Amino acid sequence: MNKLDTSNPNNYKYETKHLEIHILGGMKTNKLETLRITLSVQKPKQHNVLRHNIDLYNDNQVEKFTRKIAERLEIGTSVTSSAVVALLRRKETNDINSEVKQGIRQLSPSCCNFFCEIGFQRP
């Protein structure tokens, strides 16, 4: 059920079985050493929302934030931690796939066909 909706670039939505996470203002990827975003976290179909500005590449901030989510939303830290880590991995995978698609566009038709045959979607 974990799905990342990037249809609105200013409000990405990531849903798990236990949490709904919104990335407010989208993600800026111009700095590789940091991933500073504003998150809105809540249980599905609940009104208690936790908003926080965080650098997802800063382990200390992520650890404190997952504890804060668990405490405020009354949910286990393992659930919150796995949701945040899965969101980060999903975001990184989307970035890699986007970069690969950009690279495939610049390849010859035969190279492009090769990458499509091994599982990459045609740009």
C-alpha atoms as a PDB file:
ATOM      1  CA  MET A   1       0.000   0.000   0.000  1.00  0.00           C
ATOM      2  CA  ASN A   2       2.992   2.367   0.245  1.00  0.00           C
ATOM      3  CA  LYS A   3       2.469   4.867  -2.529  1.00  0.00           C
ATOM      4  CA  LEU A   4       4.113   8.134  -3.422  1.00  0.00           C
ATOM      5  CA  ASP A   5       1.932  10.622  -5.298  1.00  0.00           C
ATOM      6  CA  THR A   6       4.057  13.280  -7.018  1.00  0.00           C
ATOM      7  CA  SER A   7       1.307  14.682  -9.246  1.00  0.00           C
ATOM      8  CA  ASN A   8       1.346  17.978  -7.304  1.00  0.00           C
ATOM      9  CA  PRO A   9       4.974  19.230  -7.159  1.00  0.00           C
ATOM     10  CA  ASN A  10       4.162  21.418  -4.141  1.00  0.00           C
ATOM     11  CA  ASN A  11       2.503  18.694  -2.087  1.00  0.00           C
ATOM     12  CA  TYR A  12       3.883  15.186  -2.496  1.00  0.00           C
ATOM     13  CA  LYS A  13       1.805  12.597  -0.669  1.00  0.00           C
ATOM     14  CA  TYR A  14       3.192   9.352   0.727  1.00  0.00           C
ATOM     15  CA  GLU A  15       0.772   6.851   2.256  1.00  0.00           C
ATOM     16  CA  THR A  16       1.497   3.766   4.298  1.00  0.00           C
ATOM     17  CA  LYS A  17      -0.901   1.524   6.184  1.00  0.00           C
ATOM     18  CA  HIS A  18      -0.376   3.544   9.397  1.00  0.00           C
ATOM     19  CA  LEU A  19       0.675   7.042   8.291  1.00  0.00           C
ATOM     20  CA  GLU A  20      -0.058   9.720   5.736  1.00  0.00           C
ATOM     21  CA  ILE A  21       2.913  11.995   5.030  1.00  0.00           C
ATOM     22  CA  HIS A  22       2.759  15.182   2.961  1.00  0.00           C
ATOM     23  CA  ILE A  23       5.889  16.907   1.711  1.00  0.00           C
ATOM     24  CA  LEU A  24       4.819  20.524   1.717  1.00  0.00           C
ATOM     25  CA  GLY A  25       6.458  22.743  -0.877  1.00  0.00           C
ATOM     26  CA  GLY A  26       7.892  19.770  -2.761  1.00  0.00           C
ATOM     27  CA  MET A  27      11.540  18.721  -2.691  1.00  0.00           C
ATOM     28  CA  LYS A  28      14.440  20.850  -3.761  1.00  0.00           C
ATOM     29  CA  THR A  29      17.259  18.715  -5.120  1.00  0.00           C
ATOM     30  CA  ASN A  30      19.786  21.406  -5.977  1.00  0.00           C
ATOM     31  CA  LYS A  31      21.986  20.529  -2.972  1.00  0.00           C
ATOM     32  CA  LEU A  32      23.199  16.951  -2.846  1.00  0.00           C
ATOM     33  CA  GLU A  33      24.435  17.079   0.750  1.00  0.00           C
ATOM     34  CA  THR A  34      21.080  17.993   2.274  1.00  0.00           C
ATOM     35  CA  LEU A  35      17.401  17.154   1.798  1.00  0.00           C
ATOM     36  CA  ARG A  36      15.633  19.868   3.758  1.00  0.00           C
ATOM     37  CA  ILE A  37      11.842  19.538   3.550  1.00  0.00           C
ATOM     38  CA  THR A  38       8.690  20.390   5.464  1.00  0.00           C
ATOM     39  CA  LEU A  39       6.629  17.356   6.433  1.00  0.00           C
ATOM     40  CA  SER A  40       3.045  17.033   7.562  1.00  0.00           C
ATOM     41  CA  VAL A  41       2.379  13.674   9.241  1.00  0.00           C
ATOM     42  CA  GLN A  42      -0.890  12.181  10.446  1.00  0.00           C
ATOM     43  CA  LYS A  43      -2.698   8.913  10.859  1.00  0.00           C
ATOM     44  CA  PRO A  44      -4.999   8.195   7.906  1.00  0.00           C
ATOM     45  CA  LYS A  45      -8.392   9.888   8.254  1.00  0.00           C
ATOM     46  CA  GLN A  46      -7.394  11.654  11.495  1.00  0.00           C
ATOM     47  CA  HIS A  47      -7.144  15.362  12.206  1.00  0.00           C
ATOM     48  CA  ASN A  48      -4.156  15.389  14.579  1.00  0.00           C
ATOM     49  CA  VAL A  49      -1.374  16.660  12.271  1.00  0.00           C
ATOM     50  CA  LEU A  50       2.304  17.108  13.088  1.00  0.00           C
ATOM     51  CA  ARG A  51       4.220  19.556  10.881  1.00  0.00           C
ATOM     52  CA  HIS A  52       7.982  19.811  10.983  1.00  0.00           C
ATOM     53  CA  ASN A  53      10.907  21.141   8.934  1.00  0.00           C
ATOM     54  CA  ILE A  54      13.658  18.511   8.729  1.00  0.00           C
ATOM     55  CA  ASP A  55      16.788  17.488   6.844  1.00  0.00           C
ATOM     56  CA  LEU A  56      16.148  13.848   5.911  1.00  0.00           C
ATOM     57  CA  TYR A  57      19.897  13.295   5.420  1.00  0.00           C
ATOM     58  CA  ASN A  58      20.579  14.232   9.070  1.00  0.00           C
ATOM     59  CA  ASP A  59      20.303  11.025  11.100  1.00  0.00           C
ATOM     60  CA  ASN A  60      19.959  12.813  14.467  1.00  0.00           C
ATOM     61  CA  GLN A  61      17.084  14.951  13.211  1.00  0.00           C
ATOM     62  CA  VAL A  62      15.319  11.955  11.687  1.00  0.00           C
ATOM     63  CA  GLU A  63      15.673   9.944  14.902  1.00  0.00           C
ATOM     64  CA  LYS A  64      14.258  12.770  17.056  1.00  0.00           C
ATOM     65  CA  PHE A  65      11.493  13.392  14.550  1.00  0.00           C
ATOM     66  CA  THR A  66      10.403   9.733  14.463  1.00  0.00           C
ATOM     67  CA  ARG A  67      10.190   9.716  18.265  1.00  0.00           C
ATOM     68  CA  LYS A  68       8.161  12.930  18.172  1.00  0.00           C
ATOM     69  CA  ILE A  69       5.747  11.450  15.605  1.00  0.00           C
ATOM     70  CA  ALA A  70       5.356   8.293  17.681  1.00  0.00           C
ATOM     71  CA  GLU A  71       4.651  10.281  20.839  1.00  0.00           C
ATOM     72  CA  ARG A  72       2.217  12.788  19.306  1.00  0.00           C
ATOM     73  CA  LEU A  73       0.301  10.333  17.139  1.00  0.00           C
ATOM     74  CA  GLU A  74       0.478   7.497  19.679  1.00  0.00           C
ATOM     75  CA  ILE A  75       2.047   5.004  17.304  1.00  0.00           C
ATOM     76  CA  GLY A  76       5.188   2.839  17.558  1.00  0.00           C
ATOM     77  CA  THR A  77       8.613   4.260  16.735  1.00  0.00           C
ATOM     78  CA  SER A  78       9.359   1.304  14.465  1.00  0.00           C
ATOM     79  CA  VAL A  79       6.307   2.199  12.355  1.00  0.00           C
ATOM     80  CA  THR A  80       7.284   5.862  12.112  1.00  0.00           C
ATOM     81  CA  SER A  81      10.942   5.119  11.444  1.00  0.00           C
ATOM     82  CA  SER A  82      10.202   2.615   8.684  1.00  0.00           C
ATOM     83  CA  ALA A  83       7.761   5.049   7.025  1.00  0.00           C
ATOM     84  CA  VAL A  84      10.311   7.892   6.976  1.00  0.00           C
ATOM     85  CA  VAL A  85      13.101   5.606   5.711  1.00  0.00           C
ATOM     86  CA  ALA A  86      10.798   4.151   3.020  1.00  0.00           C
ATOM     87  CA  LEU A  87       9.851   7.677   1.923  1.00  0.00           C
ATOM     88  CA  LEU A  88      13.518   8.638   1.615  1.00  0.00           C
ATOM     89  CA  ARG A  89      14.345   5.487  -0.382  1.00  0.00           C
ATOM     90  CA  ARG A  90      11.347   6.039  -2.640  1.00  0.00           C
ATOM     91  CA  LYS A  91      12.416   9.635  -3.254  1.00  0.00           C
ATOM     92  CA  GLU A  92      15.975   8.589  -4.069  1.00  0.00           C
ATOM     93  CA  THR A  93      14.701   5.867  -6.428  1.00  0.00           C
ATOM     94  CA  ASN A  94      12.488   8.396  -8.222  1.00  0.00           C
ATOM     95  CA  ASP A  95      15.490  10.732  -8.615  1.00  0.00           C
ATOM     96  CA  ILE A  96      17.666   7.946 -10.014  1.00  0.00           C
ATOM     97  CA  ASN A  97      14.961   6.812 -12.444  1.00  0.00           C
ATOM     98  CA  SER A  98      14.477  10.430 -13.562  1.00  0.00           C
ATOM     99  CA  GLU A  99      18.208  10.852 -14.182  1.00  0.00           C
ATOM    100  CA  VAL A 100      18.354   7.554 -16.083  1.00  0.00           C
ATOM    101  CA  LYS A 101      15.407   8.618 -18.273  1.00  0.00           C
ATOM    102  CA  GLN A 102      17.194  11.905 -19.034  1.00  0.00           C
ATOM    103  CA  GLY A 103      20.304   9.936 -19.994  1.00  0.00           C
ATOM    104  CA  ILE A 104      18.337   7.461 -22.138  1.00  0.00           C
ATOM    105  CA  ARG A 105      16.853  10.324 -24.141  1.00  0.00           C
ATOM    106  CA  GLN A 106      20.365  11.244 -25.254  1.00  0.00           C
ATOM    107  CA  LEU A 107      21.332   7.720 -26.348  1.00  0.00           C
ATOM    108  CA  SER A 108      21.194   6.200 -29.800  1.00  0.00           C
ATOM    109  CA  PRO A 109      18.005   4.259 -30.638  1.00  0.00           C
ATOM    110  CA  SER A 110      19.724   0.874 -30.235  1.00  0.00           C
ATOM    111  CA  CYS A 111      21.073   1.770 -26.757  1.00  0.00           C
ATOM    112  CA  CYS A 112      17.667   3.145 -25.819  1.00  0.00           C
ATOM    113  CA  ASN A 113      16.058  -0.156 -26.874  1.00  0.00           C
ATOM    114  CA  PHE A 114      18.558  -2.082 -24.734  1.00  0.00           C
ATOM    115  CA  PHE A 115      17.700  -0.101 -21.587  1.00  0.00           C
ATOM    116  CA  CYS A 116      13.995  -0.525 -22.277  1.00  0.00           C
ATOM    117  CA  GLU A 117      14.464  -4.283 -22.665  1.00  0.00           C
ATOM    118  CA  ILE A 118      16.091  -4.575 -19.224  1.00  0.00           C
ATOM    119  CA  GLY A 119      13.222  -2.805 -17.497  1.00  0.00           C
ATOM    120  CA  PHE A 120      13.592   0.959 -17.846  1.00  0.00           C
ATOM    121  CA  GLN A 121      10.605   2.743 -19.297  1.00  0.00           C
ATOM    122  CA  ARG A 122      11.008   4.614 -22.548  1.00  0.00           C
ATOM    123  CA  PRO A 123      11.143   8.369 -21.836  1.00  0.00           C
END
